[in-house]
């Protein structure tokens, strides 16, 4: 369960980083 949860947390963190970068870039555009 810990391994699966860690993998899902890494995926969620990656999505959050990219969404934040997209939002910041959209403001610049």
ModelCIF file with pLDDT and N, C-alpha, C, O atoms, coordinates in Angstrom:
data_MODEL
#
_entry.id   MODEL 
#
_entity.id                         1 
_entity.type                       polymer 
_entity.pdbx_number_of_molecules   1 
#
_entity_poly.entity_id                      1 
_entity_poly.type                           'polypeptide(L)' 
_entity_poly.nstd_linkage                   no 
_entity_poly.nstd_monomer                   no 
_entity_poly.pdbx_seq_one_letter_code       
;(UNK)(UNK)(UNK)(UNK)(UNK)(UNK)(UNK)(UNK)(UNK)(UNK)(UNK)(UNK)(UNK)(UNK)(UNK)(UNK)
(UNK)(UNK)(UNK)(UNK)(UNK)(UNK)(UNK)(UNK)(UNK)(UNK)(UNK)(UNK)(UNK)
;
_entity_poly.pdbx_seq_one_letter_code_can   XXXXXXXXXXXXXXXXXXXXXXXXXXXXX 
_entity_poly.pdbx_strand_id                 A 
#
loop_
_entity_poly_seq.entity_id 
_entity_poly_seq.num 
_entity_poly_seq.mon_id 
_entity_poly_seq.hetero 
1 1  UNK n 
1 2  UNK n 
1 3  UNK n 
1 4  UNK n 
1 5  UNK n 
1 6  UNK n 
1 7  UNK n 
1 8  UNK n 
1 9  UNK n 
1 10 UNK n 
1 11 UNK n 
1 12 UNK n 
1 13 UNK n 
1 14 UNK n 
1 15 UNK n 
1 16 UNK n 
1 17 UNK n 
1 18 UNK n 
1 19 UNK n 
1 20 UNK n 
1 21 UNK n 
1 22 UNK n 
1 23 UNK n 
1 24 UNK n 
1 25 UNK n 
1 26 UNK n 
1 27 UNK n 
1 28 UNK n 
1 29 UNK n 
#
_struct_asym.id          A 
_struct_asym.entity_id   1 
#
loop_
_ma_qa_metric.id 
_ma_qa_metric.mode 
_ma_qa_metric.name 
_ma_qa_metric.software_group_id 
_ma_qa_metric.type 
1 global pLDDT . pLDDT 
2 local  pLDDT . pLDDT 
#
_ma_qa_metric_global.metric_id      1 
_ma_qa_metric_global.metric_value   83.48 
_ma_qa_metric_global.model_id       1 
_ma_qa_metric_global.ordinal_id     1 
#
loop_
_ma_qa_metric_local.label_asym_id 
_ma_qa_metric_local.label_comp_id 
_ma_qa_metric_local.label_seq_id 
_ma_qa_metric_local.metric_id 
_ma_qa_metric_local.metric_value 
_ma_qa_metric_local.model_id 
_ma_qa_metric_local.ordinal_id 
A UNK 1  2 81.00 1 1  
A UNK 2  2 81.00 1 2  
A UNK 3  2 80.00 1 3  
A UNK 4  2 82.00 1 4  
A UNK 5  2 83.00 1 5  
A UNK 6  2 84.00 1 6  
A UNK 7  2 80.00 1 7  
A UNK 8  2 84.00 1 8  
A UNK 9  2 83.00 1 9  
A UNK 10 2 80.00 1 10 
A UNK 11 2 78.00 1 11 
A UNK 12 2 81.00 1 12 
A UNK 13 2 81.00 1 13 
A UNK 14 2 77.00 1 14 
A UNK 15 2 79.00 1 15 
A UNK 16 2 82.00 1 16 
A UNK 17 2 81.00 1 17 
A UNK 18 2 80.00 1 18 
A UNK 19 2 83.00 1 19 
A UNK 20 2 83.00 1 20 
A UNK 21 2 83.00 1 21 
A UNK 22 2 85.00 1 22 
A UNK 23 2 87.00 1 23 
A UNK 24 2 88.00 1 24 
A UNK 25 2 89.00 1 25 
A UNK 26 2 90.00 1 26 
A UNK 27 2 92.00 1 27 
A UNK 28 2 92.00 1 28 
A UNK 29 2 92.00 1 29 
#
loop_
_atom_site.group_PDB 
_atom_site.id 
_atom_site.type_symbol 
_atom_site.label_atom_id 
_atom_site.label_alt_id 
_atom_site.label_comp_id 
_atom_site.label_asym_id 
_atom_site.label_entity_id 
_atom_site.label_seq_id 
_atom_site.pdbx_PDB_ins_code 
_atom_site.Cartn_x 
_atom_site.Cartn_y 
_atom_site.Cartn_z 
_atom_site.occupancy 
_atom_site.B_iso_or_equiv 
_atom_site.pdbx_formal_charge 
_atom_site.auth_seq_id 
_atom_site.auth_comp_id 
_atom_site.auth_asym_id 
_atom_site.auth_atom_id 
_atom_site.pdbx_PDB_model_num 
ATOM 1   N N  . UNK A 1 1  ? 0.841  -1.208 0.000   1.00 81.00 ? 1  UNK A N  1 
ATOM 2   C CA . UNK A 1 1  ? 0.000  0.000  0.000   1.00 81.00 ? 1  UNK A CA 1 
ATOM 3   C C  . UNK A 1 1  ? 0.870  1.250  0.000   1.00 81.00 ? 1  UNK A C  1 
ATOM 4   O O  . UNK A 1 1  ? 0.550  2.226  -0.679  1.00 81.00 ? 1  UNK A O  1 
ATOM 5   N N  . UNK A 1 2  ? 1.958  1.232  0.748   1.00 81.00 ? 2  UNK A N  1 
ATOM 6   C CA . UNK A 1 2  ? 2.863  2.385  0.791   1.00 81.00 ? 2  UNK A CA 1 
ATOM 7   C C  . UNK A 1 2  ? 3.516  2.628  -0.560  1.00 81.00 ? 2  UNK A C  1 
ATOM 8   O O  . UNK A 1 2  ? 3.658  3.774  -0.985  1.00 81.00 ? 2  UNK A O  1 
ATOM 9   N N  . UNK A 1 3  ? 3.911  1.563  -1.232  1.00 80.00 ? 3  UNK A N  1 
ATOM 10  C CA . UNK A 1 3  ? 4.546  1.715  -2.548  1.00 80.00 ? 3  UNK A CA 1 
ATOM 11  C C  . UNK A 1 3  ? 3.571  2.290  -3.566  1.00 80.00 ? 3  UNK A C  1 
ATOM 12  O O  . UNK A 1 3  ? 3.918  3.191  -4.330  1.00 80.00 ? 3  UNK A O  1 
ATOM 13  N N  . UNK A 1 4  ? 2.340  1.761  -3.570  1.00 82.00 ? 4  UNK A N  1 
ATOM 14  C CA . UNK A 1 4  ? 1.327  2.278  -4.501  1.00 82.00 ? 4  UNK A CA 1 
ATOM 15  C C  . UNK A 1 4  ? 0.985  3.727  -4.164  1.00 82.00 ? 4  UNK A C  1 
ATOM 16  O O  . UNK A 1 4  ? 0.839  4.554  -5.065  1.00 82.00 ? 4  UNK A O  1 
ATOM 17  N N  . UNK A 1 5  ? 0.857  4.042  -2.870  1.00 83.00 ? 5  UNK A N  1 
ATOM 18  C CA . UNK A 1 5  ? 0.556  5.419  -2.462  1.00 83.00 ? 5  UNK A CA 1 
ATOM 19  C C  . UNK A 1 5  ? 1.668  6.380  -2.829  1.00 83.00 ? 5  UNK A C  1 
ATOM 20  O O  . UNK A 1 5  ? 1.406  7.507  -3.247  1.00 83.00 ? 5  UNK A O  1 
ATOM 21  N N  . UNK A 1 6  ? 2.922  5.939  -2.673  1.00 84.00 ? 6  UNK A N  1 
ATOM 22  C CA . UNK A 1 6  ? 4.045  6.801  -3.039  1.00 84.00 ? 6  UNK A CA 1 
ATOM 23  C C  . UNK A 1 6  ? 4.073  7.064  -4.530  1.00 84.00 ? 6  UNK A C  1 
ATOM 24  O O  . UNK A 1 6  ? 4.363  8.180  -4.961  1.00 84.00 ? 6  UNK A O  1 
ATOM 25  N N  . UNK A 1 7  ? 3.775  6.047  -5.319  1.00 80.00 ? 7  UNK A N  1 
ATOM 26  C CA . UNK A 1 7  ? 3.742  6.234  -6.776  1.00 80.00 ? 7  UNK A CA 1 
ATOM 27  C C  . UNK A 1 7  ? 2.638  7.209  -7.173  1.00 80.00 ? 7  UNK A C  1 
ATOM 28  O O  . UNK A 1 7  ? 2.854  8.081  -8.014  1.00 80.00 ? 7  UNK A O  1 
ATOM 29  N N  . UNK A 1 8  ? 1.454  7.065  -6.570  1.00 84.00 ? 8  UNK A N  1 
ATOM 30  C CA . UNK A 1 8  ? 0.355  7.994  -6.864  1.00 84.00 ? 8  UNK A CA 1 
ATOM 31  C C  . UNK A 1 8  ? 0.684  9.412  -6.405  1.00 84.00 ? 8  UNK A C  1 
ATOM 32  O O  . UNK A 1 8  ? 0.320  10.378 -7.076  1.00 84.00 ? 8  UNK A O  1 
ATOM 33  N N  . UNK A 1 9  ? 1.370  9.546  -5.267  1.00 83.00 ? 9  UNK A N  1 
ATOM 34  C CA . UNK A 1 9  ? 1.762  10.875 -4.784  1.00 83.00 ? 9  UNK A CA 1 
ATOM 35  C C  . UNK A 1 9  ? 2.762  11.526 -5.731  1.00 83.00 ? 9  UNK A C  1 
ATOM 36  O O  . UNK A 1 9  ? 2.700  12.734 -5.963  1.00 83.00 ? 9  UNK A O  1 
ATOM 37  N N  . UNK A 1 10 ? 3.682  10.737 -6.279  1.00 80.00 ? 10 UNK A N  1 
ATOM 38  C CA . UNK A 1 10 ? 4.645  11.284 -7.241  1.00 80.00 ? 10 UNK A CA 1 
ATOM 39  C C  . UNK A 1 10 ? 3.946  11.753 -8.513  1.00 80.00 ? 10 UNK A C  1 
ATOM 40  O O  . UNK A 1 10 ? 4.282  12.804 -9.059  1.00 80.00 ? 10 UNK A O  1 
ATOM 41  N N  . UNK A 1 11 ? 2.979  10.979 -8.981  1.00 78.00 ? 11 UNK A N  1 
ATOM 42  C CA . UNK A 1 11 ? 2.229  11.372 -10.180 1.00 78.00 ? 11 UNK A CA 1 
ATOM 43  C C  . UNK A 1 11 ? 1.429  12.652 -9.920  1.00 78.00 ? 11 UNK A C  1 
ATOM 44  O O  . UNK A 1 11 ? 1.391  13.554 -10.758 1.00 78.00 ? 11 UNK A O  1 
ATOM 45  N N  . UNK A 1 12 ? 0.789  12.719 -8.741  1.00 81.00 ? 12 UNK A N  1 
ATOM 46  C CA . UNK A 1 12 ? 0.016  13.922 -8.400  1.00 81.00 ? 12 UNK A CA 1 
ATOM 47  C C  . UNK A 1 12 ? 0.923  15.136 -8.279  1.00 81.00 ? 12 UNK A C  1 
ATOM 48  O O  . UNK A 1 12 ? 0.551  16.228 -8.708  1.00 81.00 ? 12 UNK A O  1 
ATOM 49  N N  . UNK A 1 13 ? 2.109  14.965 -7.700  1.00 81.00 ? 13 UNK A N  1 
ATOM 50  C CA . UNK A 1 13 ? 3.052  16.075 -7.581  1.00 81.00 ? 13 UNK A CA 1 
ATOM 51  C C  . UNK A 1 13 ? 3.526  16.541 -8.946  1.00 81.00 ? 13 UNK A C  1 
ATOM 52  O O  . UNK A 1 13 ? 3.674  17.742 -9.175  1.00 81.00 ? 13 UNK A O  1 
ATOM 53  N N  . UNK A 1 14 ? 3.767  15.601 -9.860  1.00 77.00 ? 14 UNK A N  1 
ATOM 54  C CA . UNK A 1 14 ? 4.197  15.970 -11.213 1.00 77.00 ? 14 UNK A CA 1 
ATOM 55  C C  . UNK A 1 14 ? 3.112  16.758 -11.935 1.00 77.00 ? 14 UNK A C  1 
ATOM 56  O O  . UNK A 1 14 ? 3.399  17.747 -12.608 1.00 77.00 ? 14 UNK A O  1 
ATOM 57  N N  . UNK A 1 15 ? 1.857  16.314 -11.791 1.00 79.00 ? 15 UNK A N  1 
ATOM 58  C CA . UNK A 1 15 ? 0.743  17.026 -12.418 1.00 79.00 ? 15 UNK A CA 1 
ATOM 59  C C  . UNK A 1 15 ? 0.599  18.415 -11.810 1.00 79.00 ? 15 UNK A C  1 
ATOM 60  O O  . UNK A 1 15 ? 0.353  19.381 -12.531 1.00 79.00 ? 15 UNK A O  1 
ATOM 61  N N  . UNK A 1 16 ? 0.747  18.525 -10.503 1.00 82.00 ? 16 UNK A N  1 
ATOM 62  C CA . UNK A 1 16 ? 0.617  19.832 -9.837  1.00 82.00 ? 16 UNK A CA 1 
ATOM 63  C C  . UNK A 1 16 ? 1.712  20.790 -10.293 1.00 82.00 ? 16 UNK A C  1 
ATOM 64  O O  . UNK A 1 16 ? 1.447  21.973 -10.507 1.00 82.00 ? 16 UNK A O  1 
ATOM 65  N N  . UNK A 1 17 ? 2.939  20.295 -10.443 1.00 81.00 ? 17 UNK A N  1 
ATOM 66  C CA . UNK A 1 17 ? 4.035  21.151 -10.906 1.00 81.00 ? 17 UNK A CA 1 
ATOM 67  C C  . UNK A 1 17 ? 3.747  21.671 -12.315 1.00 81.00 ? 17 UNK A C  1 
ATOM 68  O O  . UNK A 1 17 ? 3.916  22.860 -12.588 1.00 81.00 ? 17 UNK A O  1 
ATOM 69  N N  . UNK A 1 18 ? 3.317  20.788 -13.200 1.00 80.00 ? 18 UNK A N  1 
ATOM 70  C CA . UNK A 1 18 ? 3.044  21.209 -14.567 1.00 80.00 ? 18 UNK A CA 1 
ATOM 71  C C  . UNK A 1 18 ? 1.840  22.141 -14.655 1.00 80.00 ? 18 UNK A C  1 
ATOM 72  O O  . UNK A 1 18 ? 1.850  23.088 -15.440 1.00 80.00 ? 18 UNK A O  1 
ATOM 73  N N  . UNK A 1 19 ? 0.799  21.883 -13.855 1.00 83.00 ? 19 UNK A N  1 
ATOM 74  C CA . UNK A 1 19 ? -0.357 22.793 -13.855 1.00 83.00 ? 19 UNK A CA 1 
ATOM 75  C C  . UNK A 1 19 ? 0.028  24.170 -13.337 1.00 83.00 ? 19 UNK A C  1 
ATOM 76  O O  . UNK A 1 19 ? -0.432 25.185 -13.860 1.00 83.00 ? 19 UNK A O  1 
ATOM 77  N N  . UNK A 1 20 ? 0.872  24.208 -12.305 1.00 83.00 ? 20 UNK A N  1 
ATOM 78  C CA . UNK A 1 20 ? 1.341  25.496 -11.814 1.00 83.00 ? 20 UNK A CA 1 
ATOM 79  C C  . UNK A 1 20 ? 2.171  26.229 -12.838 1.00 83.00 ? 20 UNK A C  1 
ATOM 80  O O  . UNK A 1 20 ? 2.036  27.443 -12.996 1.00 83.00 ? 20 UNK A O  1 
ATOM 81  N N  . UNK A 1 21 ? 3.040  25.497 -13.546 1.00 83.00 ? 21 UNK A N  1 
ATOM 82  C CA . UNK A 1 21 ? 3.846  26.122 -14.603 1.00 83.00 ? 21 UNK A CA 1 
ATOM 83  C C  . UNK A 1 21 ? 2.969  26.641 -15.732 1.00 83.00 ? 21 UNK A C  1 
ATOM 84  O O  . UNK A 1 21 ? 3.228  27.711 -16.283 1.00 83.00 ? 21 UNK A O  1 
ATOM 85  N N  . UNK A 1 22 ? 1.920  25.878 -16.080 1.00 85.00 ? 22 UNK A N  1 
ATOM 86  C CA . UNK A 1 22 ? 0.998  26.328 -17.122 1.00 85.00 ? 22 UNK A CA 1 
ATOM 87  C C  . UNK A 1 22 ? 0.243  27.582 -16.706 1.00 85.00 ? 22 UNK A C  1 
ATOM 88  O O  . UNK A 1 22 ? 0.079  28.502 -17.507 1.00 85.00 ? 22 UNK A O  1 
ATOM 89  N N  . UNK A 1 23 ? -0.215 27.625 -15.464 1.00 87.00 ? 23 UNK A N  1 
ATOM 90  C CA . UNK A 1 23 ? -0.941 28.807 -14.983 1.00 87.00 ? 23 UNK A CA 1 
ATOM 91  C C  . UNK A 1 23 ? -0.044 30.040 -14.978 1.00 87.00 ? 23 UNK A C  1 
ATOM 92  O O  . UNK A 1 23 ? -0.472 31.123 -15.376 1.00 87.00 ? 23 UNK A O  1 
ATOM 93  N N  . UNK A 1 24 ? 1.194  29.880 -14.530 1.00 88.00 ? 24 UNK A N  1 
ATOM 94  C CA . UNK A 1 24 ? 2.128  31.006 -14.521 1.00 88.00 ? 24 UNK A CA 1 
ATOM 95  C C  . UNK A 1 24 ? 2.443  31.467 -15.934 1.00 88.00 ? 24 UNK A C  1 
ATOM 96  O O  . UNK A 1 24 ? 2.507  32.668 -16.197 1.00 88.00 ? 24 UNK A O  1 
ATOM 97  N N  . UNK A 1 25 ? 2.638  30.527 -16.841 1.00 89.00 ? 25 UNK A N  1 
ATOM 98  C CA . UNK A 1 25 ? 2.937  30.895 -18.228 1.00 89.00 ? 25 UNK A CA 1 
ATOM 99  C C  . UNK A 1 25 ? 1.732  31.563 -18.880 1.00 89.00 ? 25 UNK A C  1 
ATOM 100 O O  . UNK A 1 25 ? 1.892  32.485 -19.680 1.00 89.00 ? 25 UNK A O  1 
ATOM 101 N N  . UNK A 1 26 ? 0.520  31.103 -18.544 1.00 90.00 ? 26 UNK A N  1 
ATOM 102 C CA . UNK A 1 26 ? -0.685 31.731 -19.105 1.00 90.00 ? 26 UNK A CA 1 
ATOM 103 C C  . UNK A 1 26 ? -0.789 33.187 -18.668 1.00 90.00 ? 26 UNK A C  1 
ATOM 104 O O  . UNK A 1 26 ? -1.227 34.033 -19.447 1.00 90.00 ? 26 UNK A O  1 
ATOM 105 N N  . UNK A 1 27 ? -0.392 33.491 -17.432 1.00 92.00 ? 27 UNK A N  1 
ATOM 106 C CA . UNK A 1 27 ? -0.396 34.883 -16.982 1.00 92.00 ? 27 UNK A CA 1 
ATOM 107 C C  . UNK A 1 27 ? 0.630  35.705 -17.749 1.00 92.00 ? 27 UNK A C  1 
ATOM 108 O O  . UNK A 1 27 ? 0.373  36.859 -18.091 1.00 92.00 ? 27 UNK A O  1 
ATOM 109 N N  . UNK A 1 28 ? 1.800  35.112 -18.023 1.00 92.00 ? 28 UNK A N  1 
ATOM 110 C CA . UNK A 1 28 ? 2.813  35.827 -18.798 1.00 92.00 ? 28 UNK A CA 1 
ATOM 111 C C  . UNK A 1 28 ? 2.333  36.097 -20.225 1.00 92.00 ? 28 UNK A C  1 
ATOM 112 O O  . UNK A 1 28 ? 2.549  37.181 -20.767 1.00 92.00 ? 28 UNK A O  1 
ATOM 113 N N  . UNK A 1 29 ? 1.685  35.106 -20.821 1.00 92.00 ? 29 UNK A N  1 
ATOM 114 C CA . UNK A 1 29 ? 1.169  35.293 -22.181 1.00 92.00 ? 29 UNK A CA 1 
ATOM 115 C C  . UNK A 1 29 ? 0.079  36.357 -22.194 1.00 92.00 ? 29 UNK A C  1 
ATOM 116 O O  . UNK A 1 29 ? -0.479 36.656 -23.250 1.00 92.00 ? 29 UNK A O  1 
#
